[in-house]
């Protein structure tokens, strides 16, 4: 069962409190879905496309529900935990993801369809002249570097949240992000 540490009292309304309540009233976990599903889906859609993201979003929350007894209740925000689960699920689709980035690098066309006006505007912005170079670099990054970079850039997680999500030290996050940034800068500065 999830255990709350004595050094960090749980605040009402936090994700940790909701997850703790869901241990006795499973329906309460739906609030975690309501709070974070859209952000998780957007992250996944940018990683693997909308169709796969629909499935992976469901799988993310199903997996989270199944392992909620192991959630660290000292962490009030479940986002890093959920992004970690989602990223692990993306690894199952890694070969397809790399192939998608290679196709994007060749065509310059983003494979993710826009579902609303905000997505349409974002798609137009990403259709810049550098999209091919960026996609090519993303395809050539290691999976670990790509995970850190995309959690930072697309999910807007802080270093410590990425470390939590991927269960790695913050120093490792910094070094992977630095390597990924250098590769991007090199590709964009010297086409």
N, C-alpha and C. Protein backbone atom coordinates (compact mmCIF):
# COMPACT_ATOMS: atom_id res chain seq x y z
N UNK A 1 0.84 -1.18 0.00
CA UNK A 1 0.00 0.00 0.00
C UNK A 1 0.88 1.24 0.00
N UNK A 2 0.42 2.31 -0.63
CA UNK A 2 1.17 3.55 -0.67
C UNK A 2 1.30 4.08 0.75
N UNK A 3 2.47 4.59 1.05
CA UNK A 3 2.74 5.04 2.40
C UNK A 3 3.11 6.51 2.39
N UNK A 4 2.51 7.25 3.26
CA UNK A 4 2.80 8.67 3.38
C UNK A 4 3.86 8.85 4.43
N UNK A 5 4.93 9.55 4.09
CA UNK A 5 6.01 9.80 5.04
C UNK A 5 5.58 10.80 6.09
N UNK A 6 6.14 10.70 7.27
CA UNK A 6 5.79 11.60 8.37
C UNK A 6 6.36 12.99 8.17
N UNK A 7 7.40 13.13 7.34
CA UNK A 7 8.03 14.42 7.16
C UNK A 7 7.28 15.32 6.19
N UNK A 8 6.35 14.80 5.42
CA UNK A 8 5.63 15.60 4.44
C UNK A 8 4.14 15.31 4.51
N UNK A 9 3.40 16.11 5.30
CA UNK A 9 1.96 15.86 5.40
C UNK A 9 1.27 16.11 4.05
N UNK A 10 0.31 15.28 3.76
CA UNK A 10 -0.40 15.35 2.49
C UNK A 10 -1.43 16.47 2.55
N UNK A 11 -1.46 17.30 1.52
CA UNK A 11 -2.44 18.39 1.45
C UNK A 11 -3.68 17.90 0.72
N UNK A 12 -4.83 18.32 1.20
CA UNK A 12 -6.08 17.96 0.56
C UNK A 12 -6.12 18.50 -0.85
N UNK A 13 -6.67 17.74 -1.76
CA UNK A 13 -6.83 18.18 -3.13
C UNK A 13 -5.63 17.93 -4.02
N UNK A 14 -4.50 17.53 -3.46
CA UNK A 14 -3.34 17.23 -4.29
C UNK A 14 -3.56 15.90 -5.00
N UNK A 15 -2.76 15.67 -6.02
CA UNK A 15 -2.83 14.38 -6.71
C UNK A 15 -2.56 13.24 -5.73
N UNK A 16 -1.60 13.45 -4.83
CA UNK A 16 -1.27 12.41 -3.85
C UNK A 16 -2.48 12.08 -2.98
N UNK A 17 -3.22 13.10 -2.55
CA UNK A 17 -4.41 12.86 -1.73
C UNK A 17 -5.47 12.09 -2.51
N UNK A 18 -5.64 12.45 -3.77
CA UNK A 18 -6.64 11.76 -4.60
C UNK A 18 -6.23 10.30 -4.82
N UNK A 19 -4.97 10.08 -5.11
CA UNK A 19 -4.49 8.70 -5.31
C UNK A 19 -4.66 7.90 -4.02
N UNK A 20 -4.34 8.51 -2.89
CA UNK A 20 -4.52 7.82 -1.61
C UNK A 20 -5.99 7.45 -1.39
N UNK A 21 -6.89 8.37 -1.69
CA UNK A 21 -8.32 8.10 -1.54
C UNK A 21 -8.77 7.00 -2.50
N UNK A 22 -8.13 6.95 -3.68
CA UNK A 22 -8.53 5.95 -4.67
C UNK A 22 -8.18 4.53 -4.25
N UNK A 23 -7.34 4.42 -3.24
CA UNK A 23 -6.99 3.08 -2.75
C UNK A 23 -8.18 2.42 -2.06
N UNK A 24 -9.09 3.23 -1.55
CA UNK A 24 -10.29 2.68 -0.92
C UNK A 24 -11.54 2.91 -1.77
N UNK A 25 -11.56 4.00 -2.52
CA UNK A 25 -12.68 4.30 -3.41
C UNK A 25 -12.08 4.47 -4.81
N UNK A 26 -12.05 3.38 -5.57
CA UNK A 26 -11.31 3.38 -6.84
C UNK A 26 -11.80 4.44 -7.82
N UNK A 27 -13.06 4.83 -7.75
CA UNK A 27 -13.60 5.83 -8.66
C UNK A 27 -12.91 7.18 -8.53
N UNK A 28 -12.31 7.44 -7.37
CA UNK A 28 -11.61 8.71 -7.14
C UNK A 28 -10.45 8.89 -8.12
N UNK A 29 -9.89 7.79 -8.64
CA UNK A 29 -8.76 7.89 -9.56
C UNK A 29 -9.15 8.62 -10.85
N UNK A 30 -10.43 8.64 -11.15
CA UNK A 30 -10.91 9.36 -12.32
C UNK A 30 -10.53 10.84 -12.29
N UNK A 31 -10.38 11.40 -11.11
CA UNK A 31 -9.97 12.80 -10.99
C UNK A 31 -8.54 13.00 -11.51
N UNK A 32 -7.69 12.01 -11.31
CA UNK A 32 -6.32 12.10 -11.84
C UNK A 32 -6.39 12.13 -13.37
N UNK A 33 -7.23 11.30 -13.93
CA UNK A 33 -7.43 11.30 -15.38
C UNK A 33 -7.94 12.67 -15.84
N UNK A 34 -8.96 13.18 -15.16
CA UNK A 34 -9.54 14.47 -15.54
C UNK A 34 -8.51 15.60 -15.48
N UNK A 35 -7.63 15.55 -14.51
CA UNK A 35 -6.63 16.61 -14.34
C UNK A 35 -5.53 16.55 -15.40
N UNK A 36 -5.12 15.34 -15.81
CA UNK A 36 -3.88 15.22 -16.57
C UNK A 36 -3.99 14.55 -17.94
N UNK A 37 -5.13 14.01 -18.28
CA UNK A 37 -5.23 13.25 -19.54
C UNK A 37 -4.93 14.10 -20.76
N UNK A 38 -5.42 15.32 -20.80
CA UNK A 38 -5.20 16.17 -21.96
C UNK A 38 -3.71 16.45 -22.17
N UNK A 39 -3.00 16.79 -21.11
CA UNK A 39 -1.56 17.07 -21.22
C UNK A 39 -0.79 15.82 -21.63
N UNK A 40 -1.13 14.68 -21.04
CA UNK A 40 -0.47 13.42 -21.40
C UNK A 40 -0.75 13.09 -22.86
N UNK A 41 -2.00 13.27 -23.28
CA UNK A 41 -2.35 12.98 -24.67
C UNK A 41 -1.59 13.87 -25.64
N UNK A 42 -1.49 15.16 -25.33
CA UNK A 42 -0.75 16.08 -26.22
C UNK A 42 0.71 15.65 -26.35
N UNK A 43 1.32 15.31 -25.23
CA UNK A 43 2.71 14.83 -25.25
C UNK A 43 2.83 13.58 -26.11
N UNK A 44 1.95 12.62 -25.88
CA UNK A 44 2.00 11.37 -26.64
C UNK A 44 1.71 11.61 -28.12
N UNK A 45 0.77 12.49 -28.44
CA UNK A 45 0.45 12.76 -29.84
C UNK A 45 1.64 13.34 -30.57
N UNK A 46 2.40 14.16 -29.90
CA UNK A 46 3.59 14.72 -30.53
C UNK A 46 4.68 13.68 -30.68
N UNK A 47 4.67 12.69 -29.83
CA UNK A 47 5.69 11.63 -29.91
C UNK A 47 5.34 10.57 -30.94
N UNK A 48 4.07 10.15 -30.97
CA UNK A 48 3.71 8.97 -31.78
C UNK A 48 2.51 9.17 -32.69
N UNK A 49 1.94 10.38 -32.76
CA UNK A 49 0.78 10.62 -33.60
C UNK A 49 -0.52 10.43 -32.81
N UNK A 50 -1.57 11.06 -33.31
CA UNK A 50 -2.84 11.09 -32.59
C UNK A 50 -3.47 9.72 -32.39
N UNK A 51 -3.47 8.89 -33.42
CA UNK A 51 -4.13 7.58 -33.32
C UNK A 51 -3.49 6.72 -32.23
N UNK A 52 -2.18 6.66 -32.22
CA UNK A 52 -1.48 5.86 -31.20
C UNK A 52 -1.59 6.54 -29.84
N UNK A 53 -1.58 7.87 -29.83
CA UNK A 53 -1.67 8.60 -28.57
C UNK A 53 -2.98 8.30 -27.85
N UNK A 54 -4.07 8.14 -28.59
CA UNK A 54 -5.34 7.78 -27.96
C UNK A 54 -5.19 6.50 -27.15
N UNK A 55 -4.60 5.50 -27.79
CA UNK A 55 -4.42 4.21 -27.11
C UNK A 55 -3.43 4.32 -25.96
N UNK A 56 -2.31 5.00 -26.19
CA UNK A 56 -1.29 5.10 -25.15
C UNK A 56 -1.75 5.94 -23.97
N UNK A 57 -2.60 6.93 -24.22
CA UNK A 57 -3.15 7.70 -23.09
C UNK A 57 -3.98 6.79 -22.20
N UNK A 58 -4.82 5.98 -22.82
CA UNK A 58 -5.63 5.03 -22.05
C UNK A 58 -4.74 4.05 -21.30
N UNK A 59 -3.72 3.53 -22.01
CA UNK A 59 -2.80 2.59 -21.37
C UNK A 59 -2.04 3.23 -20.22
N UNK A 60 -1.68 4.51 -20.37
CA UNK A 60 -0.96 5.22 -19.31
C UNK A 60 -1.78 5.25 -18.03
N UNK A 61 -3.04 5.63 -18.16
CA UNK A 61 -3.87 5.75 -16.96
C UNK A 61 -4.29 4.39 -16.41
N UNK A 62 -4.43 3.42 -17.27
CA UNK A 62 -4.71 2.06 -16.80
C UNK A 62 -3.52 1.53 -16.02
N UNK A 63 -2.32 1.73 -16.56
CA UNK A 63 -1.11 1.27 -15.86
C UNK A 63 -0.96 2.02 -14.53
N UNK A 64 -1.21 3.33 -14.55
CA UNK A 64 -1.11 4.12 -13.32
C UNK A 64 -2.11 3.62 -12.27
N UNK A 65 -3.32 3.33 -12.72
CA UNK A 65 -4.34 2.83 -11.80
C UNK A 65 -3.89 1.50 -11.18
N UNK A 66 -3.33 0.64 -12.01
CA UNK A 66 -2.91 -0.68 -11.53
C UNK A 66 -1.77 -0.60 -10.52
N UNK A 67 -0.89 0.39 -10.66
CA UNK A 67 0.27 0.46 -9.76
C UNK A 67 0.15 1.61 -8.77
N UNK A 68 -1.04 2.16 -8.59
CA UNK A 68 -1.21 3.32 -7.72
C UNK A 68 -0.83 3.03 -6.27
N UNK A 69 -0.85 1.77 -5.88
CA UNK A 69 -0.44 1.43 -4.50
C UNK A 69 1.04 1.71 -4.28
N UNK A 70 1.81 1.80 -5.36
CA UNK A 70 3.25 2.07 -5.23
C UNK A 70 3.58 3.55 -5.40
N UNK A 71 2.56 4.38 -5.61
CA UNK A 71 2.80 5.81 -5.79
C UNK A 71 3.36 6.41 -4.50
N UNK A 72 4.38 7.25 -4.64
CA UNK A 72 5.00 7.93 -3.50
C UNK A 72 4.12 9.10 -3.09
N UNK A 73 3.38 8.94 -2.03
CA UNK A 73 2.43 9.96 -1.58
C UNK A 73 3.11 11.23 -1.07
N UNK A 74 4.42 11.22 -0.94
CA UNK A 74 5.15 12.43 -0.57
C UNK A 74 5.29 13.37 -1.76
N UNK A 75 4.92 12.92 -2.93
CA UNK A 75 4.99 13.75 -4.14
C UNK A 75 3.57 14.22 -4.47
N UNK A 76 3.27 15.49 -4.22
CA UNK A 76 1.90 15.96 -4.39
C UNK A 76 1.43 15.98 -5.85
N UNK A 77 2.34 16.14 -6.80
CA UNK A 77 2.00 16.26 -8.22
C UNK A 77 2.29 14.94 -8.93
N UNK A 78 1.29 14.34 -9.54
CA UNK A 78 1.45 13.06 -10.23
C UNK A 78 1.95 13.19 -11.65
N UNK A 79 2.08 14.41 -12.17
CA UNK A 79 2.50 14.58 -13.57
C UNK A 79 3.81 13.87 -13.92
N UNK A 80 4.88 14.07 -13.15
CA UNK A 80 6.12 13.37 -13.52
C UNK A 80 5.95 11.85 -13.56
N UNK A 81 5.21 11.31 -12.62
CA UNK A 81 4.95 9.87 -12.57
C UNK A 81 4.19 9.44 -13.82
N UNK A 82 3.17 10.19 -14.20
CA UNK A 82 2.37 9.85 -15.38
C UNK A 82 3.20 9.99 -16.67
N UNK A 83 4.00 11.06 -16.76
CA UNK A 83 4.87 11.21 -17.93
C UNK A 83 5.89 10.08 -18.01
N UNK A 84 6.36 9.61 -16.88
CA UNK A 84 7.28 8.47 -16.88
C UNK A 84 6.62 7.21 -17.42
N UNK A 85 5.40 6.95 -16.99
CA UNK A 85 4.64 5.80 -17.50
C UNK A 85 4.42 5.95 -19.00
N UNK A 86 4.00 7.14 -19.42
CA UNK A 86 3.74 7.39 -20.84
C UNK A 86 5.00 7.21 -21.67
N UNK A 87 6.11 7.72 -21.17
CA UNK A 87 7.38 7.59 -21.90
C UNK A 87 7.79 6.13 -22.02
N UNK A 88 7.59 5.36 -20.97
CA UNK A 88 7.90 3.93 -21.05
C UNK A 88 7.03 3.23 -22.09
N UNK A 89 5.79 3.64 -22.20
CA UNK A 89 4.91 3.05 -23.21
C UNK A 89 5.34 3.45 -24.62
N UNK A 90 5.85 4.67 -24.75
CA UNK A 90 6.36 5.10 -26.05
C UNK A 90 7.50 4.20 -26.52
N UNK A 91 8.30 3.72 -25.59
CA UNK A 91 9.43 2.86 -25.96
C UNK A 91 8.97 1.61 -26.72
N UNK A 92 7.77 1.17 -26.47
CA UNK A 92 7.24 0.03 -27.21
C UNK A 92 7.06 0.36 -28.69
N UNK A 93 6.92 1.62 -28.95
CA UNK A 93 6.69 2.08 -30.32
C UNK A 93 7.92 2.78 -30.90
N UNK A 94 9.08 2.54 -30.29
CA UNK A 94 10.29 3.27 -30.66
C UNK A 94 10.68 3.12 -32.13
N UNK A 95 10.61 1.94 -32.64
CA UNK A 95 10.98 1.75 -34.05
C UNK A 95 10.07 2.56 -34.96
N UNK A 96 8.79 2.53 -34.71
CA UNK A 96 7.86 3.31 -35.51
C UNK A 96 8.07 4.80 -35.35
N UNK A 97 8.42 5.22 -34.15
CA UNK A 97 8.68 6.64 -33.91
C UNK A 97 9.89 7.10 -34.73
N UNK A 98 10.96 6.33 -34.71
CA UNK A 98 12.15 6.69 -35.49
C UNK A 98 11.83 6.76 -36.97
N UNK A 99 11.05 5.80 -37.44
CA UNK A 99 10.66 5.81 -38.86
C UNK A 99 9.82 7.05 -39.17
N UNK A 100 8.95 7.45 -38.25
CA UNK A 100 8.14 8.65 -38.45
C UNK A 100 8.99 9.91 -38.54
N UNK A 101 10.00 10.02 -37.67
CA UNK A 101 10.89 11.18 -37.74
C UNK A 101 11.70 11.18 -39.04
N UNK A 102 12.09 10.00 -39.49
CA UNK A 102 12.82 9.94 -40.77
C UNK A 102 11.92 10.38 -41.92
N UNK A 103 10.65 9.97 -41.89
CA UNK A 103 9.70 10.40 -42.92
C UNK A 103 9.48 11.91 -42.85
N UNK A 104 9.39 12.44 -41.64
CA UNK A 104 9.22 13.88 -41.47
C UNK A 104 10.45 14.62 -42.00
N UNK A 105 11.62 14.06 -41.74
CA UNK A 105 12.85 14.69 -42.23
C UNK A 105 12.87 14.72 -43.76
N UNK A 106 12.35 13.68 -44.39
CA UNK A 106 12.32 13.62 -45.87
C UNK A 106 11.26 14.55 -46.44
N UNK A 107 10.08 14.60 -45.81
CA UNK A 107 8.96 15.31 -46.41
C UNK A 107 8.75 16.72 -45.87
N UNK A 108 9.12 16.95 -44.61
CA UNK A 108 8.85 18.24 -43.99
C UNK A 108 7.41 18.41 -43.56
N UNK A 109 6.60 17.37 -43.71
CA UNK A 109 5.18 17.43 -43.36
C UNK A 109 4.99 16.76 -42.00
N UNK A 110 4.39 17.47 -41.06
CA UNK A 110 4.15 16.90 -39.74
C UNK A 110 3.03 15.87 -39.83
N UNK A 111 3.25 14.64 -39.29
CA UNK A 111 2.24 13.59 -39.42
C UNK A 111 1.06 13.75 -38.48
N UNK A 112 1.13 14.62 -37.50
CA UNK A 112 0.05 14.78 -36.53
C UNK A 112 -0.97 15.75 -37.08
N UNK A 113 -2.21 15.30 -37.23
CA UNK A 113 -3.29 16.15 -37.75
C UNK A 113 -3.75 17.12 -36.67
N UNK A 114 -4.08 18.32 -37.08
CA UNK A 114 -4.58 19.33 -36.14
C UNK A 114 -6.05 19.08 -35.85
N UNK A 115 -6.40 19.07 -34.56
CA UNK A 115 -7.78 18.80 -34.16
C UNK A 115 -8.54 20.08 -33.83
N UNK A 116 -7.86 21.17 -33.49
CA UNK A 116 -8.55 22.41 -33.20
C UNK A 116 -7.69 23.57 -33.67
N UNK A 117 -8.19 24.77 -33.48
CA UNK A 117 -7.49 25.96 -33.98
C UNK A 117 -6.09 26.09 -33.39
N UNK A 118 -5.96 25.87 -32.08
CA UNK A 118 -4.64 25.98 -31.45
C UNK A 118 -3.66 24.98 -32.05
N UNK A 119 -4.13 23.75 -32.31
CA UNK A 119 -3.27 22.76 -32.95
C UNK A 119 -2.93 23.17 -34.38
N UNK A 120 -3.88 23.78 -35.08
CA UNK A 120 -3.63 24.21 -36.44
C UNK A 120 -2.56 25.30 -36.48
N UNK A 121 -2.65 26.25 -35.55
CA UNK A 121 -1.65 27.31 -35.47
C UNK A 121 -0.29 26.71 -35.14
N UNK A 122 -0.25 25.80 -34.17
CA UNK A 122 1.02 25.15 -33.81
C UNK A 122 1.60 24.39 -34.99
N UNK A 123 0.75 23.73 -35.76
CA UNK A 123 1.22 22.98 -36.93
C UNK A 123 1.83 23.91 -37.97
N UNK A 124 1.22 25.09 -38.16
CA UNK A 124 1.76 26.05 -39.12
C UNK A 124 3.12 26.57 -38.66
N UNK A 125 3.26 26.81 -37.37
CA UNK A 125 4.54 27.31 -36.84
C UNK A 125 5.63 26.26 -37.03
N UNK A 126 5.30 24.99 -36.77
CA UNK A 126 6.32 23.94 -36.89
C UNK A 126 6.64 23.60 -38.33
N UNK A 127 5.87 24.12 -39.27
CA UNK A 127 6.12 23.85 -40.68
C UNK A 127 7.18 24.78 -41.25
N UNK A 128 8.03 25.32 -40.41
CA UNK A 128 9.07 26.24 -40.86
C UNK A 128 10.12 25.48 -41.67
N UNK A 129 11.04 26.25 -42.24
CA UNK A 129 12.08 25.66 -43.09
C UNK A 129 12.98 24.71 -42.31
N UNK A 130 13.07 24.86 -40.99
CA UNK A 130 13.98 24.05 -40.21
C UNK A 130 13.36 22.74 -39.72
N UNK A 131 12.10 22.49 -40.01
CA UNK A 131 11.45 21.30 -39.47
C UNK A 131 12.13 20.02 -39.94
N UNK A 132 12.60 19.99 -41.17
CA UNK A 132 13.28 18.79 -41.67
C UNK A 132 14.55 18.52 -40.89
N UNK A 133 15.32 19.57 -40.63
CA UNK A 133 16.57 19.40 -39.90
C UNK A 133 16.31 18.95 -38.46
N UNK A 134 15.31 19.54 -37.84
CA UNK A 134 14.97 19.17 -36.46
C UNK A 134 14.53 17.71 -36.40
N UNK A 135 13.67 17.31 -37.34
CA UNK A 135 13.18 15.93 -37.36
C UNK A 135 14.33 14.96 -37.59
N UNK A 136 15.26 15.34 -38.45
CA UNK A 136 16.42 14.47 -38.70
C UNK A 136 17.25 14.30 -37.44
N UNK A 137 17.46 15.38 -36.71
CA UNK A 137 18.23 15.30 -35.45
C UNK A 137 17.47 14.45 -34.44
N UNK A 138 16.15 14.65 -34.33
CA UNK A 138 15.35 13.85 -33.39
C UNK A 138 15.46 12.36 -33.71
N UNK A 139 15.48 12.04 -34.98
CA UNK A 139 15.58 10.63 -35.39
C UNK A 139 16.93 10.05 -35.03
N UNK A 140 17.97 10.90 -35.02
CA UNK A 140 19.32 10.41 -34.75
C UNK A 140 19.70 10.45 -33.28
N UNK A 141 18.91 11.12 -32.45
CA UNK A 141 19.18 11.12 -31.01
C UNK A 141 18.98 9.71 -30.46
N UNK A 142 19.67 9.40 -29.38
CA UNK A 142 19.37 8.14 -28.71
C UNK A 142 17.98 8.27 -28.09
N UNK A 143 17.35 7.15 -27.83
CA UNK A 143 16.01 7.18 -27.23
C UNK A 143 16.05 7.92 -25.89
N UNK A 144 17.11 7.73 -25.13
CA UNK A 144 17.22 8.38 -23.82
C UNK A 144 17.36 9.89 -23.96
N UNK A 145 18.16 10.34 -24.92
CA UNK A 145 18.29 11.77 -25.16
C UNK A 145 16.97 12.36 -25.66
N UNK A 146 16.31 11.66 -26.57
CA UNK A 146 15.04 12.13 -27.13
C UNK A 146 13.99 12.23 -26.03
N UNK A 147 13.92 11.24 -25.14
CA UNK A 147 12.95 11.27 -24.04
C UNK A 147 13.13 12.53 -23.20
N UNK A 148 14.37 12.80 -22.79
CA UNK A 148 14.64 13.96 -21.95
C UNK A 148 14.30 15.25 -22.68
N UNK A 149 14.73 15.37 -23.92
CA UNK A 149 14.48 16.58 -24.70
C UNK A 149 12.98 16.83 -24.88
N UNK A 150 12.23 15.80 -25.22
CA UNK A 150 10.80 15.98 -25.49
C UNK A 150 10.00 16.20 -24.21
N UNK A 151 10.42 15.58 -23.11
CA UNK A 151 9.74 15.86 -21.84
C UNK A 151 10.00 17.31 -21.42
N UNK A 152 11.18 17.83 -21.73
CA UNK A 152 11.51 19.21 -21.41
C UNK A 152 10.77 20.18 -22.34
N UNK A 153 10.85 19.91 -23.65
CA UNK A 153 10.30 20.86 -24.63
C UNK A 153 8.79 20.74 -24.81
N UNK A 154 8.27 19.55 -24.89
CA UNK A 154 6.85 19.37 -25.18
C UNK A 154 5.99 19.26 -23.94
N UNK A 155 6.48 18.56 -22.92
CA UNK A 155 5.69 18.41 -21.70
C UNK A 155 5.98 19.54 -20.71
N UNK A 156 7.04 20.32 -20.99
CA UNK A 156 7.43 21.45 -20.16
C UNK A 156 7.69 21.05 -18.72
N UNK A 157 8.32 19.89 -18.55
CA UNK A 157 8.69 19.45 -17.21
C UNK A 157 10.02 20.08 -16.81
N UNK A 158 10.18 20.34 -15.53
CA UNK A 158 11.46 20.83 -14.99
C UNK A 158 12.43 19.66 -14.88
N UNK A 159 13.70 19.98 -14.70
CA UNK A 159 14.72 18.93 -14.63
C UNK A 159 14.37 17.86 -13.59
N UNK A 160 13.99 18.31 -12.40
CA UNK A 160 13.69 17.34 -11.33
C UNK A 160 12.45 16.50 -11.66
N UNK A 161 11.51 17.07 -12.40
CA UNK A 161 10.33 16.31 -12.79
C UNK A 161 10.68 15.27 -13.86
N UNK A 162 11.57 15.63 -14.76
CA UNK A 162 12.04 14.66 -15.77
C UNK A 162 12.78 13.53 -15.07
N UNK A 163 13.61 13.89 -14.10
CA UNK A 163 14.34 12.88 -13.33
C UNK A 163 13.38 11.92 -12.65
N UNK A 164 12.32 12.46 -12.07
CA UNK A 164 11.30 11.62 -11.43
C UNK A 164 10.60 10.74 -12.45
N UNK A 165 10.23 11.34 -13.59
CA UNK A 165 9.49 10.61 -14.62
C UNK A 165 10.28 9.44 -15.16
N UNK A 166 11.58 9.65 -15.38
CA UNK A 166 12.41 8.60 -15.99
C UNK A 166 13.21 7.80 -14.96
N UNK A 167 13.05 8.17 -13.69
CA UNK A 167 13.75 7.49 -12.60
C UNK A 167 15.26 7.48 -12.82
N UNK A 168 15.79 8.69 -13.08
CA UNK A 168 17.23 8.89 -13.27
C UNK A 168 17.64 10.10 -12.45
N UNK A 169 18.94 10.23 -12.15
CA UNK A 169 19.40 11.41 -11.40
C UNK A 169 19.26 12.69 -12.22
N UNK A 170 19.11 13.83 -11.53
CA UNK A 170 18.98 15.12 -12.20
C UNK A 170 20.22 15.40 -13.04
N UNK A 171 21.39 15.00 -12.57
CA UNK A 171 22.62 15.20 -13.34
C UNK A 171 22.58 14.49 -14.68
N UNK A 172 21.97 13.33 -14.72
CA UNK A 172 21.83 12.60 -15.97
C UNK A 172 20.87 13.33 -16.91
N UNK A 173 19.81 13.90 -16.35
CA UNK A 173 18.88 14.70 -17.15
C UNK A 173 19.64 15.86 -17.79
N UNK A 174 20.44 16.55 -16.98
CA UNK A 174 21.19 17.71 -17.48
C UNK A 174 22.15 17.31 -18.60
N UNK A 175 22.87 16.21 -18.42
CA UNK A 175 23.85 15.82 -19.44
C UNK A 175 23.16 15.35 -20.72
N UNK A 176 22.07 14.60 -20.60
CA UNK A 176 21.35 14.15 -21.81
C UNK A 176 20.73 15.33 -22.55
N UNK A 177 20.15 16.26 -21.80
CA UNK A 177 19.56 17.43 -22.42
C UNK A 177 20.64 18.29 -23.09
N UNK A 178 21.78 18.42 -22.45
CA UNK A 178 22.88 19.18 -23.03
C UNK A 178 23.35 18.55 -24.34
N UNK A 179 23.51 17.23 -24.36
CA UNK A 179 23.92 16.54 -25.60
C UNK A 179 22.89 16.73 -26.71
N UNK A 180 21.62 16.59 -26.36
CA UNK A 180 20.57 16.75 -27.36
C UNK A 180 20.54 18.18 -27.90
N UNK A 181 20.67 19.15 -27.02
CA UNK A 181 20.69 20.55 -27.45
C UNK A 181 21.87 20.84 -28.37
N UNK A 182 23.05 20.32 -28.00
CA UNK A 182 24.23 20.54 -28.84
C UNK A 182 24.01 19.96 -30.23
N UNK A 183 23.44 18.78 -30.31
CA UNK A 183 23.19 18.16 -31.62
C UNK A 183 22.20 18.99 -32.43
N UNK A 184 21.16 19.50 -31.77
CA UNK A 184 20.20 20.35 -32.46
C UNK A 184 20.86 21.64 -32.95
N UNK A 185 21.61 22.28 -32.06
CA UNK A 185 22.27 23.54 -32.44
C UNK A 185 23.25 23.33 -33.59
N UNK A 186 24.01 22.25 -33.53
CA UNK A 186 24.97 21.96 -34.59
C UNK A 186 24.24 21.77 -35.92
N UNK A 187 23.17 21.02 -35.90
CA UNK A 187 22.42 20.76 -37.14
C UNK A 187 21.79 22.03 -37.69
N UNK A 188 21.29 22.89 -36.81
CA UNK A 188 20.61 24.09 -37.27
C UNK A 188 21.58 25.21 -37.66
N UNK A 189 22.76 25.23 -37.03
CA UNK A 189 23.76 26.26 -37.35
C UNK A 189 24.58 25.90 -38.57
N UNK A 190 24.74 24.60 -38.84
CA UNK A 190 25.57 24.14 -39.96
C UNK A 190 24.82 23.13 -40.80
N UNK A 191 23.86 23.59 -41.61
CA UNK A 191 23.04 22.63 -42.39
C UNK A 191 23.84 21.90 -43.44
